[in-house]
Amino acid sequence: MLTLNINGRDTQVDADPSTPILWALRDNLNMTGTKFGCGAALCGACTVHLGGQPIRSCITPISAAVGQKITTIEAMEADHVGKAVQDAWVKHDVPQCGYCQSGQVMSATALLKTNKAPTDADIDSAMAGNICRCGTYQRIRAAIKDAAKTLA
């Protein structure tokens, strides 16, 4: 049994320490907002924050998260930056199929927590590795810029 701090609460997880965070969230804790995409840290659908940094939860074992804070998409509405990003996502009609969007929102939120006025290059760098099969990249960029203005 491991204790993980998930969205500000200590939570007991009965899983092997090598279990990826993604599967502990989805299978053990029934938190299905974080998505499985590729299982190889290539698509970004599984992005969560670990200690404030965006990570790919499909390859990060829960043992690496002990003593750190995990933040998932479920907590974004209560986070002022995450809420601004989600509101901008809706305003700009970013999602098409929506499958990748929790990972996109998590990466965008991490960017805006460290960079209040990102350039196009900053956005490209922060969002690299978050794949949208529907190709909503222009709307994602517009939403990030809009969220940055809202937060300014």
C-alpha atoms as a PDB file:
ATOM      1  CA  MET A   1       0.000   0.000   0.000  1.00  0.00           C
ATOM      2  CA  LEU A   2       1.423   3.370  -1.042  1.00  0.00           C
ATOM      3  CA  THR A   3       0.242   6.823  -0.039  1.00  0.00           C
ATOM      4  CA  LEU A   4       0.000   9.296  -2.895  1.00  0.00           C
ATOM      5  CA  ASN A   5      -1.003  12.934  -2.668  1.00  0.00           C
ATOM      6  CA  ILE A   6      -3.500  13.356  -5.488  1.00  0.00           C
ATOM      7  CA  ASN A   7      -5.196  16.700  -6.017  1.00  0.00           C
ATOM      8  CA  GLY A   8      -4.281  17.794  -2.501  1.00  0.00           C
ATOM      9  CA  ARG A   9      -5.444  14.679  -0.673  1.00  0.00           C
ATOM     10  CA  ASP A  10      -3.431  11.767   0.621  1.00  0.00           C
ATOM     11  CA  THR A  11      -4.794   8.633  -0.987  1.00  0.00           C
ATOM     12  CA  GLN A  12      -3.929   5.007  -0.320  1.00  0.00           C
ATOM     13  CA  VAL A  13      -3.207   2.997  -3.456  1.00  0.00           C
ATOM     14  CA  ASP A  14      -3.010  -0.774  -3.306  1.00  0.00           C
ATOM     15  CA  ALA A  15      -0.796  -1.420  -6.324  1.00  0.00           C
ATOM     16  CA  ASP A  16       2.665  -2.607  -7.204  1.00  0.00           C
ATOM     17  CA  PRO A  17       5.153   0.296  -6.912  1.00  0.00           C
ATOM     18  CA  SER A  18       6.089  -0.169 -10.578  1.00  0.00           C
ATOM     19  CA  THR A  19       2.496   0.465 -11.703  1.00  0.00           C
ATOM     20  CA  PRO A  20       2.341   3.547 -13.922  1.00  0.00           C
ATOM     21  CA  ILE A  21       0.557   6.509 -12.350  1.00  0.00           C
ATOM     22  CA  LEU A  22      -1.965   6.413 -15.221  1.00  0.00           C
ATOM     23  CA  TRP A  23      -3.210   2.954 -14.289  1.00  0.00           C
ATOM     24  CA  ALA A  24      -3.267   3.687 -10.555  1.00  0.00           C
ATOM     25  CA  LEU A  25      -5.454   6.718 -11.315  1.00  0.00           C
ATOM     26  CA  ARG A  26      -7.758   4.977 -13.767  1.00  0.00           C
ATOM     27  CA  ASP A  27      -7.946   1.405 -12.463  1.00  0.00           C
ATOM     28  CA  ASN A  28      -7.359   1.748  -8.731  1.00  0.00           C
ATOM     29  CA  LEU A  29      -8.952   5.140  -8.076  1.00  0.00           C
ATOM     30  CA  ASN A  30     -11.527   5.347 -10.901  1.00  0.00           C
ATOM     31  CA  MET A  31     -10.209   8.759 -11.997  1.00  0.00           C
ATOM     32  CA  THR A  32     -10.786   8.496 -15.727  1.00  0.00           C
ATOM     33  CA  GLY A  33     -10.072  12.076 -16.819  1.00  0.00           C
ATOM     34  CA  THR A  34      -6.456  11.190 -17.577  1.00  0.00           C
ATOM     35  CA  LYS A  35      -6.432   9.269 -20.846  1.00  0.00           C
ATOM     36  CA  PHE A  36      -4.392   6.380 -22.214  1.00  0.00           C
ATOM     37  CA  GLY A  37      -3.090   7.192 -25.662  1.00  0.00           C
ATOM     38  CA  CYS A  38       0.081   5.391 -26.640  1.00  0.00           C
ATOM     39  CA  GLY A  39       1.635   3.909 -23.488  1.00  0.00           C
ATOM     40  CA  ALA A  40       5.069   5.120 -24.585  1.00  0.00           C
ATOM     41  CA  ALA A  41       5.062   8.824 -23.569  1.00  0.00           C
ATOM     42  CA  LEU A  42       4.738   9.906 -27.190  1.00  0.00           C
ATOM     43  CA  CYS A  43       1.263  11.465 -27.413  1.00  0.00           C
ATOM     44  CA  GLY A  44       0.690  13.420 -24.192  1.00  0.00           C
ATOM     45  CA  ALA A  45      -2.886  12.231 -23.567  1.00  0.00           C
ATOM     46  CA  CYS A  46      -1.823  10.956 -20.130  1.00  0.00           C
ATOM     47  CA  THR A  47      -0.203  14.203 -18.948  1.00  0.00           C
ATOM     48  CA  VAL A  48      -0.561  15.047 -15.252  1.00  0.00           C
ATOM     49  CA  HIS A  49       1.502  17.303 -13.012  1.00  0.00           C
ATOM     50  CA  LEU A  50       3.995  15.736 -10.624  1.00  0.00           C
ATOM     51  CA  GLY A  51       5.477  18.259  -8.236  1.00  0.00           C
ATOM     52  CA  GLY A  52       4.093  20.991 -10.499  1.00  0.00           C
ATOM     53  CA  GLN A  53       5.758  19.698 -13.654  1.00  0.00           C
ATOM     54  CA  PRO A  54       3.931  18.050 -16.560  1.00  0.00           C
ATOM     55  CA  ILE A  55       4.848  14.375 -16.875  1.00  0.00           C
ATOM     56  CA  ARG A  56       3.634  11.419 -18.895  1.00  0.00           C
ATOM     57  CA  SER A  57       1.800   9.236 -16.418  1.00  0.00           C
ATOM     58  CA  CYS A  58       1.774   6.195 -18.702  1.00  0.00           C
ATOM     59  CA  ILE A  59       5.474   5.550 -18.051  1.00  0.00           C
ATOM     60  CA  THR A  60       6.022   7.099 -14.610  1.00  0.00           C
ATOM     61  CA  PRO A  61       5.735   4.527 -11.801  1.00  0.00           C
ATOM     62  CA  ILE A  62       3.742   5.381  -8.708  1.00  0.00           C
ATOM     63  CA  SER A  63       6.899   4.809  -6.646  1.00  0.00           C
ATOM     64  CA  ALA A  64       8.312   8.013  -8.234  1.00  0.00           C
ATOM     65  CA  ALA A  65       5.320   9.973  -6.939  1.00  0.00           C
ATOM     66  CA  VAL A  66       5.562   9.059  -3.256  1.00  0.00           C
ATOM     67  CA  GLY A  67       6.164  12.246  -1.289  1.00  0.00           C
ATOM     68  CA  GLN A  68       5.229  14.478  -4.236  1.00  0.00           C
ATOM     69  CA  LYS A  69       1.982  16.061  -5.341  1.00  0.00           C
ATOM     70  CA  ILE A  70       0.103  14.628  -8.307  1.00  0.00           C
ATOM     71  CA  THR A  71      -2.385  16.983  -9.936  1.00  0.00           C
ATOM     72  CA  THR A  72      -4.855  15.662 -12.496  1.00  0.00           C
ATOM     73  CA  ILE A  73      -7.385  17.184 -14.857  1.00  0.00           C
ATOM     74  CA  GLU A  74     -10.054  16.638 -12.198  1.00  0.00           C
ATOM     75  CA  ALA A  75      -8.450  19.427 -10.128  1.00  0.00           C
ATOM     76  CA  MET A  76      -8.122  22.024 -12.880  1.00  0.00           C
ATOM     77  CA  GLU A  77     -11.469  23.709 -12.308  1.00  0.00           C
ATOM     78  CA  ALA A  78     -10.402  24.560  -8.746  1.00  0.00           C
ATOM     79  CA  ASP A  79      -7.029  25.958  -9.900  1.00  0.00           C
ATOM     80  CA  HIS A  80      -7.222  29.590 -11.086  1.00  0.00           C
ATOM     81  CA  VAL A  81      -4.794  28.990 -13.969  1.00  0.00           C
ATOM     82  CA  GLY A  82      -6.388  25.662 -14.889  1.00  0.00           C
ATOM     83  CA  LYS A  83      -9.841  27.254 -14.809  1.00  0.00           C
ATOM     84  CA  ALA A  84      -8.690  30.077 -17.107  1.00  0.00           C
ATOM     85  CA  VAL A  85      -7.280  27.496 -19.529  1.00  0.00           C
ATOM     86  CA  GLN A  86     -10.481  25.439 -19.469  1.00  0.00           C
ATOM     87  CA  ASP A  87     -12.611  28.554 -20.007  1.00  0.00           C
ATOM     88  CA  ALA A  88     -10.431  29.564 -22.968  1.00  0.00           C
ATOM     89  CA  TRP A  89     -10.714  26.018 -24.356  1.00  0.00           C
ATOM     90  CA  VAL A  90     -14.502  26.356 -24.349  1.00  0.00           C
ATOM     91  CA  LYS A  91     -14.453  29.913 -25.715  1.00  0.00           C
ATOM     92  CA  HIS A  92     -12.247  28.885 -28.646  1.00  0.00           C
ATOM     93  CA  ASP A  93     -14.084  25.599 -29.215  1.00  0.00           C
ATOM     94  CA  VAL A  94     -10.769  23.746 -29.015  1.00  0.00           C
ATOM     95  CA  PRO A  95     -11.905  20.126 -28.686  1.00  0.00           C
ATOM     96  CA  GLN A  96     -13.034  18.244 -31.714  1.00  0.00           C
ATOM     97  CA  CYS A  97     -13.095  14.611 -30.609  1.00  0.00           C
ATOM     98  CA  GLY A  98     -11.718  15.731 -27.217  1.00  0.00           C
ATOM     99  CA  TYR A  99      -9.696  12.626 -26.421  1.00  0.00           C
ATOM    100  CA  CYS A 100      -6.328  14.380 -26.092  1.00  0.00           C
ATOM    101  CA  GLN A 101      -7.674  17.480 -24.416  1.00  0.00           C
ATOM    102  CA  SER A 102      -7.052  16.607 -20.770  1.00  0.00           C
ATOM    103  CA  GLY A 103      -3.359  16.217 -21.574  1.00  0.00           C
ATOM    104  CA  GLN A 104      -3.382  19.400 -23.643  1.00  0.00           C
ATOM    105  CA  VAL A 105      -5.007  21.365 -20.801  1.00  0.00           C
ATOM    106  CA  MET A 106      -2.501  19.998 -18.283  1.00  0.00           C
ATOM    107  CA  SER A 107       0.466  21.016 -20.456  1.00  0.00           C
ATOM    108  CA  ALA A 108      -1.014  24.452 -21.191  1.00  0.00           C
ATOM    109  CA  THR A 109      -1.687  25.035 -17.493  1.00  0.00           C
ATOM    110  CA  ALA A 110       1.887  24.101 -16.582  1.00  0.00           C
ATOM    111  CA  LEU A 111       3.146  26.560 -19.218  1.00  0.00           C
ATOM    112  CA  LEU A 112       1.029  29.446 -17.935  1.00  0.00           C
ATOM    113  CA  LYS A 113       2.052  28.799 -14.334  1.00  0.00           C
ATOM    114  CA  THR A 114       5.674  29.500 -15.290  1.00  0.00           C
ATOM    115  CA  ASN A 115       5.270  31.883 -18.239  1.00  0.00           C
ATOM    116  CA  LYS A 116       2.578  34.549 -18.005  1.00  0.00           C
ATOM    117  CA  ALA A 117       3.096  35.827 -21.582  1.00  0.00           C
ATOM    118  CA  PRO A 118       4.215  32.936 -23.778  1.00  0.00           C
ATOM    119  CA  THR A 119       5.357  33.532 -27.343  1.00  0.00           C
ATOM    120  CA  ASP A 120       4.438  31.199 -30.176  1.00  0.00           C
ATOM    121  CA  ALA A 121       7.830  29.510 -29.716  1.00  0.00           C
ATOM    122  CA  ASP A 122       7.183  29.088 -25.977  1.00  0.00           C
ATOM    123  CA  ILE A 123       3.795  27.521 -26.720  1.00  0.00           C
ATOM    124  CA  ASP A 124       5.284  25.225 -29.352  1.00  0.00           C
ATOM    125  CA  SER A 125       7.977  24.094 -26.930  1.00  0.00           C
ATOM    126  CA  ALA A 126       5.604  23.518 -23.998  1.00  0.00           C
ATOM    127  CA  MET A 127       3.028  21.701 -26.108  1.00  0.00           C
ATOM    128  CA  ALA A 128       5.523  19.568 -28.062  1.00  0.00           C
ATOM    129  CA  GLY A 129       4.654  15.932 -27.596  1.00  0.00           C
ATOM    130  CA  ASN A 130       0.955  16.612 -27.080  1.00  0.00           C
ATOM    131  CA  ILE A 131      -0.600  15.182 -30.205  1.00  0.00           C
ATOM    132  CA  CYS A 132      -4.059  16.100 -31.450  1.00  0.00           C
ATOM    133  CA  ARG A 133      -5.185  13.745 -34.185  1.00  0.00           C
ATOM    134  CA  CYS A 134      -7.955  16.196 -35.090  1.00  0.00           C
ATOM    135  CA  GLY A 135      -5.408  18.963 -35.709  1.00  0.00           C
ATOM    136  CA  THR A 136      -6.817  21.653 -33.410  1.00  0.00           C
ATOM    137  CA  TYR A 137      -3.386  23.206 -32.886  1.00  0.00           C
ATOM    138  CA  GLN A 138      -4.370  26.721 -34.038  1.00  0.00           C
ATOM    139  CA  ARG A 139      -7.305  26.759 -31.621  1.00  0.00           C
ATOM    140  CA  ILE A 140      -5.055  25.437 -28.846  1.00  0.00           C
ATOM    141  CA  ARG A 141      -2.581  28.271 -29.471  1.00  0.00           C
ATOM    142  CA  ALA A 142      -5.394  30.862 -29.524  1.00  0.00           C
ATOM    143  CA  ALA A 143      -6.848  29.493 -26.288  1.00  0.00           C
ATOM    144  CA  ILE A 144      -3.475  29.579 -24.524  1.00  0.00           C
ATOM    145  CA  LYS A 145      -2.948  33.196 -25.584  1.00  0.00           C
ATOM    146  CA  ASP A 146      -6.469  34.092 -24.464  1.00  0.00           C
ATOM    147  CA  ALA A 147      -5.975  32.402 -21.089  1.00  0.00           C
ATOM    148  CA  ALA A 148      -2.686  34.305 -20.660  1.00  0.00           C
ATOM    149  CA  LYS A 149      -4.523  37.609 -21.304  1.00  0.00           C
ATOM    150  CA  THR A 150      -7.223  36.648 -18.809  1.00  0.00           C
ATOM    151  CA  LEU A 151      -4.619  35.861 -16.172  1.00  0.00           C
ATOM    152  CA  ALA A 152      -2.587  39.057 -16.802  1.00  0.00           C
END
